[in-house]
């Protein structure tokens, strides 16, 4: 399996081979156990993001840590809200093998020991961290201690891609 993933990375980097379409960053709407939408930011509807290729999707999640998963499992993590195609050369593939299998980072630190979804995608996109903000109306009081530390949210990844001129496609309601 590791050899297959290495070949996939090399094909994406060269722009030839296995992939017939561009990788995508997909922003997912997430619901809690009661069926209510999860909001991490007051002005942003998506709580999870993943990198999708034809071979599967890469993400960091509390249930899984950093893993590649088959595409047919994507709906287990949320409903696709919006997607954006990313040129393969815009992604930093070098460290993905070392990150795979690492645990989820529930403390949202900006290191390579553990990962949360936005951190993983931001590092793949070579985005810099920003001072984090945890809205007290949406986050438990314990997260106030993380206020201002370097990190990135799904909303900041989204806005950063918009500022770079990427175009998003909203998923059609089915």
C-alpha atoms as a PDB file:
ATOM      1  CA  UNK A   1       0.000   0.000   0.000  1.00  0.00           C
ATOM      2  CA  UNK A   2       2.811   2.430   0.818  1.00  0.00           C
ATOM      3  CA  UNK A   3       4.393   1.797  -2.610  1.00  0.00           C
ATOM      4  CA  UNK A   4       1.047   2.563  -4.264  1.00  0.00           C
ATOM      5  CA  UNK A   5       0.761   5.850  -2.377  1.00  0.00           C
ATOM      6  CA  UNK A   6       4.322   6.780  -3.273  1.00  0.00           C
ATOM      7  CA  UNK A   7       3.568   6.156  -6.938  1.00  0.00           C
ATOM      8  CA  UNK A   8       0.406   8.232  -6.633  1.00  0.00           C
ATOM      9  CA  UNK A   9       2.366  11.144  -5.140  1.00  0.00           C
ATOM     10  CA  UNK A  10       4.991  10.939  -7.869  1.00  0.00           C
ATOM     11  CA  UNK A  11       2.295  10.910 -10.555  1.00  0.00           C
ATOM     12  CA  UNK A  12       0.628  13.977  -9.050  1.00  0.00           C
ATOM     13  CA  UNK A  13       3.932  15.789  -8.794  1.00  0.00           C
ATOM     14  CA  UNK A  14       4.819  15.086 -12.404  1.00  0.00           C
ATOM     15  CA  UNK A  15       1.306  15.884 -13.601  1.00  0.00           C
ATOM     16  CA  UNK A  16       1.097  12.558 -15.432  1.00  0.00           C
ATOM     17  CA  UNK A  17      -0.060   9.035 -14.771  1.00  0.00           C
ATOM     18  CA  UNK A  18      -2.758   7.700 -12.512  1.00  0.00           C
ATOM     19  CA  UNK A  19      -4.797  10.826 -11.813  1.00  0.00           C
ATOM     20  CA  UNK A  20      -7.194  11.941 -14.514  1.00  0.00           C
ATOM     21  CA  UNK A  21      -8.537  14.881 -12.499  1.00  0.00           C
ATOM     22  CA  UNK A  22      -7.046  17.398 -10.106  1.00  0.00           C
ATOM     23  CA  UNK A  23      -6.980  16.751  -6.377  1.00  0.00           C
ATOM     24  CA  UNK A  24      -9.678  18.656  -4.510  1.00  0.00           C
ATOM     25  CA  UNK A  25     -10.034  20.185  -1.090  1.00  0.00           C
ATOM     26  CA  UNK A  26     -13.550  19.424   0.068  1.00  0.00           C
ATOM     27  CA  UNK A  27     -15.295  21.328   2.862  1.00  0.00           C
ATOM     28  CA  UNK A  28     -17.829  19.250   4.778  1.00  0.00           C
ATOM     29  CA  UNK A  29     -20.887  20.199   6.779  1.00  0.00           C
ATOM     30  CA  UNK A  30     -20.879  18.185  10.003  1.00  0.00           C
ATOM     31  CA  UNK A  31     -23.778  17.382  12.335  1.00  0.00           C
ATOM     32  CA  UNK A  32     -23.582  16.355  15.969  1.00  0.00           C
ATOM     33  CA  UNK A  33     -25.281  13.293  17.476  1.00  0.00           C
ATOM     34  CA  UNK A  34     -28.534  15.265  17.841  1.00  0.00           C
ATOM     35  CA  UNK A  35     -28.489  16.123  14.130  1.00  0.00           C
ATOM     36  CA  UNK A  36     -27.627  19.792  14.628  1.00  0.00           C
ATOM     37  CA  UNK A  37     -24.977  21.490  12.474  1.00  0.00           C
ATOM     38  CA  UNK A  38     -21.544  21.842  14.070  1.00  0.00           C
ATOM     39  CA  UNK A  39     -20.127  25.361  13.754  1.00  0.00           C
ATOM     40  CA  UNK A  40     -16.528  26.120  14.660  1.00  0.00           C
ATOM     41  CA  UNK A  41     -16.853  29.736  13.529  1.00  0.00           C
ATOM     42  CA  UNK A  42     -19.969  31.881  13.637  1.00  0.00           C
ATOM     43  CA  UNK A  43     -19.636  32.982  10.018  1.00  0.00           C
ATOM     44  CA  UNK A  44     -18.574  29.668   8.431  1.00  0.00           C
ATOM     45  CA  UNK A  45     -20.734  26.570   7.850  1.00  0.00           C
ATOM     46  CA  UNK A  46     -18.071  23.857   7.400  1.00  0.00           C
ATOM     47  CA  UNK A  47     -16.427  21.988  10.264  1.00  0.00           C
ATOM     48  CA  UNK A  48     -14.224  19.462   8.429  1.00  0.00           C
ATOM     49  CA  UNK A  49     -12.046  19.457   5.337  1.00  0.00           C
ATOM     50  CA  UNK A  50     -10.275  16.723   3.407  1.00  0.00           C
ATOM     51  CA  UNK A  51      -7.984  16.278   0.416  1.00  0.00           C
ATOM     52  CA  UNK A  52      -9.632  14.084  -2.220  1.00  0.00           C
ATOM     53  CA  UNK A  53      -7.890  12.263  -5.033  1.00  0.00           C
ATOM     54  CA  UNK A  54      -9.207   9.544  -7.317  1.00  0.00           C
ATOM     55  CA  UNK A  55      -7.577   7.023  -4.988  1.00  0.00           C
ATOM     56  CA  UNK A  56      -9.230   8.209  -1.765  1.00  0.00           C
ATOM     57  CA  UNK A  57      -9.227  11.048   0.718  1.00  0.00           C
ATOM     58  CA  UNK A  58      -6.681  12.183   3.272  1.00  0.00           C
ATOM     59  CA  UNK A  59      -7.785  13.801   6.495  1.00  0.00           C
ATOM     60  CA  UNK A  60      -7.249  14.117  10.236  1.00  0.00           C
ATOM     61  CA  UNK A  61     -10.249  13.278  12.402  1.00  0.00           C
ATOM     62  CA  UNK A  62     -10.812  12.540  16.117  1.00  0.00           C
ATOM     63  CA  UNK A  63     -11.961   8.976  15.264  1.00  0.00           C
ATOM     64  CA  UNK A  64      -9.108   8.140  12.907  1.00  0.00           C
ATOM     65  CA  UNK A  65      -6.115  10.430  13.280  1.00  0.00           C
ATOM     66  CA  UNK A  66      -4.351  11.071   9.952  1.00  0.00           C
ATOM     67  CA  UNK A  67      -5.496   8.487   7.407  1.00  0.00           C
ATOM     68  CA  UNK A  68      -6.198   7.821   3.766  1.00  0.00           C
ATOM     69  CA  UNK A  69      -9.746   6.505   3.415  1.00  0.00           C
ATOM     70  CA  UNK A  70     -11.718   5.117   0.472  1.00  0.00           C
ATOM     71  CA  UNK A  71     -13.958   7.632  -1.312  1.00  0.00           C
ATOM     72  CA  UNK A  72     -17.097   5.657  -0.437  1.00  0.00           C
ATOM     73  CA  UNK A  73     -16.478   6.478   3.260  1.00  0.00           C
ATOM     74  CA  UNK A  74     -16.496  10.274   2.798  1.00  0.00           C
ATOM     75  CA  UNK A  75     -20.175  10.625   3.751  1.00  0.00           C
ATOM     76  CA  UNK A  76     -19.368   9.160   7.195  1.00  0.00           C
ATOM     77  CA  UNK A  77     -17.537  12.402   8.009  1.00  0.00           C
ATOM     78  CA  UNK A  78     -20.027  14.959   6.731  1.00  0.00           C
ATOM     79  CA  UNK A  79     -21.940  16.281   3.760  1.00  0.00           C
ATOM     80  CA  UNK A  80     -19.995  17.911   0.955  1.00  0.00           C
ATOM     81  CA  UNK A  81     -20.624  21.640   0.984  1.00  0.00           C
ATOM     82  CA  UNK A  82     -18.033  23.064  -1.398  1.00  0.00           C
ATOM     83  CA  UNK A  83     -15.000  21.851  -3.310  1.00  0.00           C
ATOM     84  CA  UNK A  84     -12.009  23.449  -4.946  1.00  0.00           C
ATOM     85  CA  UNK A  85      -9.610  21.828  -7.428  1.00  0.00           C
ATOM     86  CA  UNK A  86      -5.937  22.210  -6.552  1.00  0.00           C
ATOM     87  CA  UNK A  87      -3.085  21.843  -9.048  1.00  0.00           C
ATOM     88  CA  UNK A  88      -0.916  18.932  -7.808  1.00  0.00           C
ATOM     89  CA  UNK A  89       2.231  21.063  -7.850  1.00  0.00           C
ATOM     90  CA  UNK A  90       0.559  23.412  -5.332  1.00  0.00           C
ATOM     91  CA  UNK A  91       0.548  20.617  -2.751  1.00  0.00           C
ATOM     92  CA  UNK A  92       3.443  19.666  -0.514  1.00  0.00           C
ATOM     93  CA  UNK A  93       3.458  15.844  -0.635  1.00  0.00           C
ATOM     94  CA  UNK A  94       6.909  15.276   0.897  1.00  0.00           C
ATOM     95  CA  UNK A  95       5.835  14.702   4.498  1.00  0.00           C
ATOM     96  CA  UNK A  96       2.497  12.958   3.991  1.00  0.00           C
ATOM     97  CA  UNK A  97       4.008   9.500   4.524  1.00  0.00           C
ATOM     98  CA  UNK A  98       5.457  10.592   7.874  1.00  0.00           C
ATOM     99  CA  UNK A  99       2.162  12.173   8.930  1.00  0.00           C
ATOM    100  CA  UNK A 100      -0.020   9.182   8.042  1.00  0.00           C
ATOM    101  CA  UNK A 101      -1.031   7.277  11.172  1.00  0.00           C
ATOM    102  CA  UNK A 102      -0.390  10.165  13.571  1.00  0.00           C
ATOM    103  CA  UNK A 103      -3.091  10.908  16.150  1.00  0.00           C
ATOM    104  CA  UNK A 104      -5.666  13.702  16.055  1.00  0.00           C
ATOM    105  CA  UNK A 105      -4.674  16.933  17.810  1.00  0.00           C
ATOM    106  CA  UNK A 106      -7.545  18.033  20.056  1.00  0.00           C
ATOM    107  CA  UNK A 107      -5.400  20.925  21.367  1.00  0.00           C
ATOM    108  CA  UNK A 108      -4.859  22.423  17.894  1.00  0.00           C
ATOM    109  CA  UNK A 109      -1.095  22.892  18.188  1.00  0.00           C
ATOM    110  CA  UNK A 110       0.958  23.780  15.115  1.00  0.00           C
ATOM    111  CA  UNK A 111       3.514  20.976  15.256  1.00  0.00           C
ATOM    112  CA  UNK A 112       3.986  17.726  13.356  1.00  0.00           C
ATOM    113  CA  UNK A 113       3.343  15.315  16.268  1.00  0.00           C
ATOM    114  CA  UNK A 114      -0.461  15.342  15.952  1.00  0.00           C
ATOM    115  CA  UNK A 115      -2.818  16.912  13.420  1.00  0.00           C
ATOM    116  CA  UNK A 116      -6.271  18.409  13.139  1.00  0.00           C
ATOM    117  CA  UNK A 117      -7.991  18.624   9.745  1.00  0.00           C
ATOM    118  CA  UNK A 118      -7.350  22.278   8.898  1.00  0.00           C
ATOM    119  CA  UNK A 119      -3.707  22.052   9.992  1.00  0.00           C
ATOM    120  CA  UNK A 120      -3.106  19.010   7.768  1.00  0.00           C
ATOM    121  CA  UNK A 121      -4.673  20.648   4.714  1.00  0.00           C
ATOM    122  CA  UNK A 122      -2.985  24.016   5.389  1.00  0.00           C
ATOM    123  CA  UNK A 123       0.425  22.359   5.610  1.00  0.00           C
ATOM    124  CA  UNK A 124      -0.258  20.452   2.381  1.00  0.00           C
ATOM    125  CA  UNK A 125      -1.119  23.815   0.784  1.00  0.00           C
ATOM    126  CA  UNK A 126       1.956  25.500   2.316  1.00  0.00           C
ATOM    127  CA  UNK A 127      -0.175  27.993   4.263  1.00  0.00           C
ATOM    128  CA  UNK A 128       1.224  29.769   7.291  1.00  0.00           C
ATOM    129  CA  UNK A 129      -0.530  29.591  10.654  1.00  0.00           C
ATOM    130  CA  UNK A 130      -2.418  32.578  12.018  1.00  0.00           C
ATOM    131  CA  UNK A 131      -3.430  33.557  15.546  1.00  0.00           C
ATOM    132  CA  UNK A 132      -6.366  31.332  16.469  1.00  0.00           C
ATOM    133  CA  UNK A 133      -9.693  32.582  17.780  1.00  0.00           C
ATOM    134  CA  UNK A 134     -12.146  30.424  19.723  1.00  0.00           C
ATOM    135  CA  UNK A 135     -15.577  32.044  19.859  1.00  0.00           C
ATOM    136  CA  UNK A 136     -16.823  31.562  23.460  1.00  0.00           C
ATOM    137  CA  UNK A 137     -20.364  31.126  22.127  1.00  0.00           C
ATOM    138  CA  UNK A 138     -19.234  28.043  20.169  1.00  0.00           C
ATOM    139  CA  UNK A 139     -16.308  26.610  22.175  1.00  0.00           C
ATOM    140  CA  UNK A 140     -16.023  25.386  25.788  1.00  0.00           C
ATOM    141  CA  UNK A 141     -14.182  27.750  28.171  1.00  0.00           C
ATOM    142  CA  UNK A 142     -11.098  25.482  28.241  1.00  0.00           C
ATOM    143  CA  UNK A 143     -10.257  26.573  24.665  1.00  0.00           C
ATOM    144  CA  UNK A 144      -9.809  30.204  25.711  1.00  0.00           C
ATOM    145  CA  UNK A 145      -6.286  29.213  26.825  1.00  0.00           C
ATOM    146  CA  UNK A 146      -5.465  28.562  23.149  1.00  0.00           C
ATOM    147  CA  UNK A 147      -6.601  32.026  22.037  1.00  0.00           C
ATOM    148  CA  UNK A 148      -3.979  33.721  19.875  1.00  0.00           C
ATOM    149  CA  UNK A 149      -1.718  30.680  19.475  1.00  0.00           C
ATOM    150  CA  UNK A 150      -0.608  29.794  15.931  1.00  0.00           C
ATOM    151  CA  UNK A 151      -3.011  27.569  14.019  1.00  0.00           C
ATOM    152  CA  UNK A 152      -5.632  27.663  11.320  1.00  0.00           C
ATOM    153  CA  UNK A 153      -9.341  26.954  11.015  1.00  0.00           C
ATOM    154  CA  UNK A 154     -11.319  25.488   8.121  1.00  0.00           C
ATOM    155  CA  UNK A 155     -12.721  28.983   7.500  1.00  0.00           C
ATOM    156  CA  UNK A 156      -9.252  30.526   7.311  1.00  0.00           C
ATOM    157  CA  UNK A 157      -8.130  27.838   4.839  1.00  0.00           C
ATOM    158  CA  UNK A 158     -11.221  28.622   2.749  1.00  0.00           C
ATOM    159  CA  UNK A 159     -10.659  32.389   2.840  1.00  0.00           C
ATOM    160  CA  UNK A 160      -6.951  31.963   2.068  1.00  0.00           C
ATOM    161  CA  UNK A 161      -7.803  29.929  -1.052  1.00  0.00           C
ATOM    162  CA  UNK A 162     -10.337  32.588  -2.106  1.00  0.00           C
ATOM    163  CA  UNK A 163      -7.691  35.305  -1.701  1.00  0.00           C
ATOM    164  CA  UNK A 164      -5.359  33.263  -3.926  1.00  0.00           C
ATOM    165  CA  UNK A 165      -8.019  33.313  -6.657  1.00  0.00           C
ATOM    166  CA  UNK A 166      -9.258  29.725  -6.423  1.00  0.00           C
ATOM    167  CA  UNK A 167     -12.854  29.082  -7.485  1.00  0.00           C
ATOM    168  CA  UNK A 168     -15.170  27.001  -5.348  1.00  0.00           C
ATOM    169  CA  UNK A 169     -17.971  24.803  -6.554  1.00  0.00           C
ATOM    170  CA  UNK A 170     -20.995  24.340  -4.302  1.00  0.00           C
ATOM    171  CA  UNK A 171     -22.269  20.798  -4.098  1.00  0.00           C
ATOM    172  CA  UNK A 172     -25.697  20.422  -5.649  1.00  0.00           C
ATOM    173  CA  UNK A 173     -28.496  19.492  -3.250  1.00  0.00           C
ATOM    174  CA  UNK A 174     -29.653  15.945  -3.898  1.00  0.00           C
END
